Amino acid sequence: SVQLGALLASLLLMAFIDDVLPRHLIFCMFPFTMLAAWRTAAGDLPEEPARSWTSLRAKALSEPHLFQLAMFMALGSLVLAAVATFQTPKLRFFLVVSISSCL
């Protein structure tokens, strides 16, 4: 399941994060991320796709606070990944702590 995969990934990351830069780990995982995105776009998920953009918009507007929370969390995750990949250790520490405390 997804939780078991996340647990195993966390354990592996914990074992290697001090010896290997996060940049290298992210670049190693990039092909698997693209594979998941490709298979999702190909329709391999068991979910039924939305009927139209109008129905997607109506769903987002039915729970605006939840939608905003999801958007901010996704944006924060992207920023944290970019910071972990491209910044210096001191700046990375400052930005990760400040962004995580805001979320």
N, C-alpha and C. Protein backbone atom coordinates (compact mmCIF):
# COMPACT_ATOMS: atom_id res chain seq x y z
N SER A 1 0.84 -1.18 0.00
CA SER A 1 0.00 0.00 0.00
C SER A 1 0.88 1.25 0.00
N VAL A 2 0.25 2.39 -0.11
CA VAL A 2 0.98 3.65 -0.20
C VAL A 2 1.70 3.94 1.11
N GLN A 3 1.05 3.68 2.26
CA GLN A 3 1.68 3.96 3.55
C GLN A 3 2.91 3.09 3.77
N LEU A 4 2.86 1.83 3.36
CA LEU A 4 4.01 0.95 3.51
C LEU A 4 5.17 1.44 2.64
N GLY A 5 4.87 1.87 1.44
CA GLY A 5 5.90 2.42 0.57
C GLY A 5 6.52 3.68 1.15
N ALA A 6 5.70 4.54 1.72
CA ALA A 6 6.21 5.77 2.34
C ALA A 6 7.08 5.45 3.55
N LEU A 7 6.69 4.44 4.33
CA LEU A 7 7.49 4.04 5.49
C LEU A 7 8.84 3.50 5.05
N LEU A 8 8.85 2.65 4.06
CA LEU A 8 10.12 2.11 3.57
C LEU A 8 11.00 3.20 2.97
N ALA A 9 10.41 4.12 2.24
CA ALA A 9 11.17 5.23 1.67
C ALA A 9 11.76 6.10 2.78
N SER A 10 11.00 6.33 3.83
CA SER A 10 11.50 7.13 4.95
C SER A 10 12.68 6.46 5.63
N LEU A 11 12.58 5.15 5.81
CA LEU A 11 13.68 4.42 6.45
C LEU A 11 14.94 4.45 5.58
N LEU A 12 14.77 4.27 4.27
CA LEU A 12 15.92 4.34 3.38
C LEU A 12 16.53 5.74 3.35
N LEU A 13 15.68 6.74 3.31
CA LEU A 13 16.17 8.11 3.30
C LEU A 13 16.91 8.43 4.59
N MET A 14 16.37 7.96 5.74
CA MET A 14 17.02 8.20 7.02
C MET A 14 18.42 7.58 7.05
N ALA A 15 18.56 6.42 6.42
CA ALA A 15 19.85 5.73 6.43
C ALA A 15 20.89 6.43 5.57
N PHE A 16 20.47 7.11 4.50
CA PHE A 16 21.42 7.66 3.54
C PHE A 16 21.53 9.18 3.52
N ILE A 17 20.66 9.89 4.18
CA ILE A 17 20.59 11.34 4.00
C ILE A 17 21.84 12.07 4.51
N ASP A 18 22.49 11.55 5.55
CA ASP A 18 23.68 12.22 6.07
C ASP A 18 24.91 11.97 5.21
N ASP A 19 24.94 10.86 4.51
CA ASP A 19 26.11 10.52 3.69
C ASP A 19 25.99 11.02 2.26
N VAL A 20 24.78 11.16 1.77
CA VAL A 20 24.55 11.52 0.37
C VAL A 20 23.74 12.81 0.34
N LEU A 21 24.07 13.70 -0.56
CA LEU A 21 23.30 14.93 -0.68
C LEU A 21 21.88 14.63 -1.14
N PRO A 22 20.88 15.39 -0.68
CA PRO A 22 19.50 15.17 -1.13
C PRO A 22 19.36 15.30 -2.65
N ARG A 23 20.20 16.13 -3.24
CA ARG A 23 20.15 16.33 -4.69
C ARG A 23 20.31 15.00 -5.43
N HIS A 24 21.24 14.19 -4.99
CA HIS A 24 21.48 12.92 -5.66
C HIS A 24 20.32 11.95 -5.48
N LEU A 25 19.72 11.96 -4.29
CA LEU A 25 18.58 11.08 -4.06
C LEU A 25 17.37 11.50 -4.90
N ILE A 26 17.17 12.81 -5.02
CA ILE A 26 16.05 13.30 -5.82
C ILE A 26 16.26 12.95 -7.29
N PHE A 27 17.47 13.12 -7.77
CA PHE A 27 17.74 12.78 -9.17
C PHE A 27 17.60 11.28 -9.42
N CYS A 28 17.94 10.45 -8.43
CA CYS A 28 17.78 9.00 -8.59
C CYS A 28 16.30 8.61 -8.63
N MET A 29 15.46 9.33 -7.91
CA MET A 29 14.04 8.99 -7.86
C MET A 29 13.24 9.61 -9.00
N PHE A 30 13.84 10.51 -9.74
CA PHE A 30 13.12 11.21 -10.82
C PHE A 30 12.56 10.26 -11.88
N PRO A 31 13.31 9.24 -12.35
CA PRO A 31 12.72 8.33 -13.35
C PRO A 31 11.48 7.60 -12.83
N PHE A 32 11.48 7.24 -11.55
CA PHE A 32 10.32 6.55 -10.99
C PHE A 32 9.12 7.49 -10.89
N THR A 33 9.39 8.75 -10.61
CA THR A 33 8.33 9.74 -10.57
C THR A 33 7.72 9.93 -11.96
N MET A 34 8.57 10.01 -12.96
CA MET A 34 8.08 10.16 -14.34
C MET A 34 7.31 8.91 -14.79
N LEU A 35 7.77 7.74 -14.37
CA LEU A 35 7.04 6.51 -14.69
C LEU A 35 5.65 6.53 -14.07
N ALA A 36 5.55 6.95 -12.81
CA ALA A 36 4.24 7.02 -12.15
C ALA A 36 3.34 8.05 -12.84
N ALA A 37 3.90 9.19 -13.21
CA ALA A 37 3.10 10.21 -13.90
C ALA A 37 2.64 9.71 -15.26
N TRP A 38 3.51 9.01 -15.97
CA TRP A 38 3.16 8.48 -17.28
C TRP A 38 2.05 7.44 -17.19
N ARG A 39 2.15 6.52 -16.23
CA ARG A 39 1.14 5.47 -16.09
C ARG A 39 -0.18 6.07 -15.60
N THR A 40 -0.10 7.10 -14.78
CA THR A 40 -1.32 7.77 -14.33
C THR A 40 -2.00 8.45 -15.50
N ALA A 41 -1.22 9.14 -16.32
CA ALA A 41 -1.79 9.82 -17.50
C ALA A 41 -2.33 8.82 -18.51
N ALA A 42 -1.78 7.62 -18.53
CA ALA A 42 -2.26 6.59 -19.46
C ALA A 42 -3.57 5.96 -18.99
N GLY A 43 -3.99 6.28 -17.76
CA GLY A 43 -5.27 5.78 -17.28
C GLY A 43 -5.18 4.47 -16.52
N ASP A 44 -4.05 4.18 -15.92
CA ASP A 44 -3.91 2.93 -15.18
C ASP A 44 -4.53 2.97 -13.79
N LEU A 45 -4.94 4.14 -13.33
CA LEU A 45 -5.58 4.21 -12.02
C LEU A 45 -6.99 3.66 -12.09
N PRO A 46 -7.44 3.00 -11.04
CA PRO A 46 -8.78 2.43 -11.08
C PRO A 46 -9.90 3.45 -10.93
N GLU A 47 -9.56 4.70 -10.70
CA GLU A 47 -10.58 5.73 -10.54
C GLU A 47 -11.18 6.10 -11.89
N GLU A 48 -12.41 6.55 -11.84
CA GLU A 48 -13.03 7.04 -13.07
C GLU A 48 -12.66 8.51 -13.25
N PRO A 49 -12.31 8.90 -14.46
CA PRO A 49 -11.94 10.31 -14.68
C PRO A 49 -13.16 11.23 -14.54
N ALA A 50 -12.87 12.48 -14.27
CA ALA A 50 -13.95 13.46 -14.15
C ALA A 50 -14.66 13.60 -15.49
N ARG A 51 -15.93 13.93 -15.42
CA ARG A 51 -16.72 14.05 -16.65
C ARG A 51 -16.33 15.26 -17.47
N SER A 52 -15.99 16.36 -16.78
CA SER A 52 -15.64 17.58 -17.51
C SER A 52 -14.88 18.52 -16.57
N TRP A 53 -14.33 19.58 -17.15
CA TRP A 53 -13.67 20.60 -16.35
C TRP A 53 -14.66 21.32 -15.45
N THR A 54 -15.91 21.39 -15.90
CA THR A 54 -16.95 22.04 -15.09
C THR A 54 -17.18 21.28 -13.81
N SER A 55 -17.20 19.95 -13.90
CA SER A 55 -17.40 19.16 -12.69
C SER A 55 -16.20 19.27 -11.75
N LEU A 56 -14.99 19.36 -12.31
CA LEU A 56 -13.81 19.55 -11.47
C LEU A 56 -13.85 20.90 -10.76
N ARG A 57 -14.26 21.93 -11.49
CA ARG A 57 -14.37 23.27 -10.91
C ARG A 57 -15.44 23.28 -9.81
N ALA A 58 -16.56 22.62 -10.05
CA ALA A 58 -17.63 22.57 -9.05
C ALA A 58 -17.16 21.85 -7.79
N LYS A 59 -16.40 20.78 -7.97
CA LYS A 59 -15.87 20.05 -6.82
C LYS A 59 -14.91 20.93 -6.01
N ALA A 60 -14.03 21.66 -6.68
CA ALA A 60 -13.09 22.54 -5.99
C ALA A 60 -13.83 23.68 -5.28
N LEU A 61 -14.86 24.21 -5.89
CA LEU A 61 -15.61 25.31 -5.29
C LEU A 61 -16.52 24.85 -4.16
N SER A 62 -16.85 23.55 -4.11
CA SER A 62 -17.70 23.06 -3.03
C SER A 62 -16.94 23.04 -1.70
N GLU A 63 -15.64 22.89 -1.73
CA GLU A 63 -14.80 22.91 -0.53
C GLU A 63 -13.62 23.86 -0.75
N PRO A 64 -13.85 25.17 -0.76
CA PRO A 64 -12.77 26.10 -1.11
C PRO A 64 -11.61 26.08 -0.12
N HIS A 65 -11.87 25.94 1.16
CA HIS A 65 -10.79 25.95 2.15
C HIS A 65 -9.91 24.70 2.02
N LEU A 66 -10.53 23.58 1.78
CA LEU A 66 -9.78 22.35 1.59
C LEU A 66 -8.93 22.43 0.32
N PHE A 67 -9.50 23.00 -0.72
CA PHE A 67 -8.76 23.15 -1.98
C PHE A 67 -7.57 24.09 -1.80
N GLN A 68 -7.76 25.20 -1.07
CA GLN A 68 -6.66 26.13 -0.82
C GLN A 68 -5.57 25.47 0.03
N LEU A 69 -5.98 24.69 1.03
CA LEU A 69 -5.00 23.99 1.85
C LEU A 69 -4.17 23.02 1.00
N ALA A 70 -4.84 22.28 0.13
CA ALA A 70 -4.14 21.34 -0.74
C ALA A 70 -3.18 22.07 -1.68
N MET A 71 -3.60 23.21 -2.21
CA MET A 71 -2.74 23.98 -3.10
C MET A 71 -1.50 24.50 -2.37
N PHE A 72 -1.69 25.04 -1.15
CA PHE A 72 -0.56 25.56 -0.39
C PHE A 72 0.39 24.44 0.03
N MET A 73 -0.15 23.29 0.39
CA MET A 73 0.71 22.17 0.77
C MET A 73 1.51 21.68 -0.42
N ALA A 74 0.89 21.61 -1.59
CA ALA A 74 1.60 21.19 -2.80
C ALA A 74 2.68 22.21 -3.17
N LEU A 75 2.36 23.48 -3.08
CA LEU A 75 3.34 24.52 -3.38
C LEU A 75 4.50 24.47 -2.38
N GLY A 76 4.19 24.29 -1.11
CA GLY A 76 5.23 24.18 -0.10
C GLY A 76 6.13 22.98 -0.34
N SER A 77 5.56 21.87 -0.75
CA SER A 77 6.35 20.68 -1.05
C SER A 77 7.28 20.91 -2.23
N LEU A 78 6.78 21.58 -3.25
CA LEU A 78 7.61 21.88 -4.42
C LEU A 78 8.77 22.81 -4.05
N VAL A 79 8.48 23.81 -3.24
CA VAL A 79 9.53 24.74 -2.82
C VAL A 79 10.57 24.02 -1.97
N LEU A 80 10.11 23.16 -1.05
CA LEU A 80 11.05 22.42 -0.21
C LEU A 80 11.92 21.49 -1.04
N ALA A 81 11.33 20.85 -2.04
CA ALA A 81 12.12 19.97 -2.91
C ALA A 81 13.15 20.78 -3.69
N ALA A 82 12.77 21.94 -4.19
CA ALA A 82 13.72 22.78 -4.93
C ALA A 82 14.83 23.29 -4.02
N VAL A 83 14.46 23.66 -2.80
CA VAL A 83 15.46 24.13 -1.84
C VAL A 83 16.44 23.01 -1.50
N ALA A 84 15.91 21.82 -1.25
CA ALA A 84 16.78 20.69 -0.91
C ALA A 84 17.69 20.31 -2.07
N THR A 85 17.26 20.58 -3.26
CA THR A 85 18.04 20.18 -4.43
C THR A 85 19.11 21.19 -4.79
N PHE A 86 18.80 22.47 -4.73
CA PHE A 86 19.68 23.46 -5.34
C PHE A 86 20.37 24.44 -4.40
N GLN A 87 20.03 24.49 -3.12
CA GLN A 87 20.56 25.54 -2.26
C GLN A 87 21.71 25.04 -1.38
N THR A 88 22.38 26.00 -0.75
CA THR A 88 23.47 25.69 0.18
C THR A 88 22.89 25.17 1.49
N PRO A 89 23.67 24.46 2.29
CA PRO A 89 23.13 23.87 3.53
C PRO A 89 22.54 24.89 4.51
N LYS A 90 23.17 26.05 4.70
CA LYS A 90 22.63 27.04 5.65
C LYS A 90 21.30 27.61 5.16
N LEU A 91 21.25 27.98 3.90
CA LEU A 91 20.01 28.52 3.34
C LEU A 91 18.93 27.44 3.31
N ARG A 92 19.33 26.22 3.00
CA ARG A 92 18.38 25.11 2.97
C ARG A 92 17.76 24.92 4.35
N PHE A 93 18.57 24.94 5.40
CA PHE A 93 18.06 24.77 6.76
C PHE A 93 17.08 25.89 7.11
N PHE A 94 17.45 27.12 6.83
CA PHE A 94 16.58 28.26 7.14
C PHE A 94 15.25 28.16 6.40
N LEU A 95 15.29 27.88 5.11
CA LEU A 95 14.06 27.84 4.33
C LEU A 95 13.18 26.65 4.70
N VAL A 96 13.78 25.50 4.95
CA VAL A 96 12.98 24.32 5.32
C VAL A 96 12.27 24.55 6.64
N VAL A 97 12.98 25.10 7.62
CA VAL A 97 12.35 25.34 8.92
C VAL A 97 11.27 26.41 8.82
N SER A 98 11.52 27.48 8.10
CA SER A 98 10.53 28.55 8.00
C SER A 98 9.30 28.11 7.20
N ILE A 99 9.49 27.42 6.10
CA ILE A 99 8.35 26.98 5.30
C ILE A 99 7.54 25.93 6.03
N SER A 100 8.22 24.99 6.69
CA SER A 100 7.51 23.95 7.42
C SER A 100 6.72 24.53 8.59
N SER A 101 7.26 25.54 9.24
CA SER A 101 6.53 26.15 10.36
C SER A 101 5.32 26.93 9.85
N CYS A 102 5.39 27.47 8.64
CA CYS A 102 4.23 28.19 8.08
C CYS A 102 3.12 27.24 7.69
N LEU A 103 3.48 26.04 7.23
CA LEU A 103 2.47 25.08 6.82
C LEU A 103 1.84 24.45 8.03
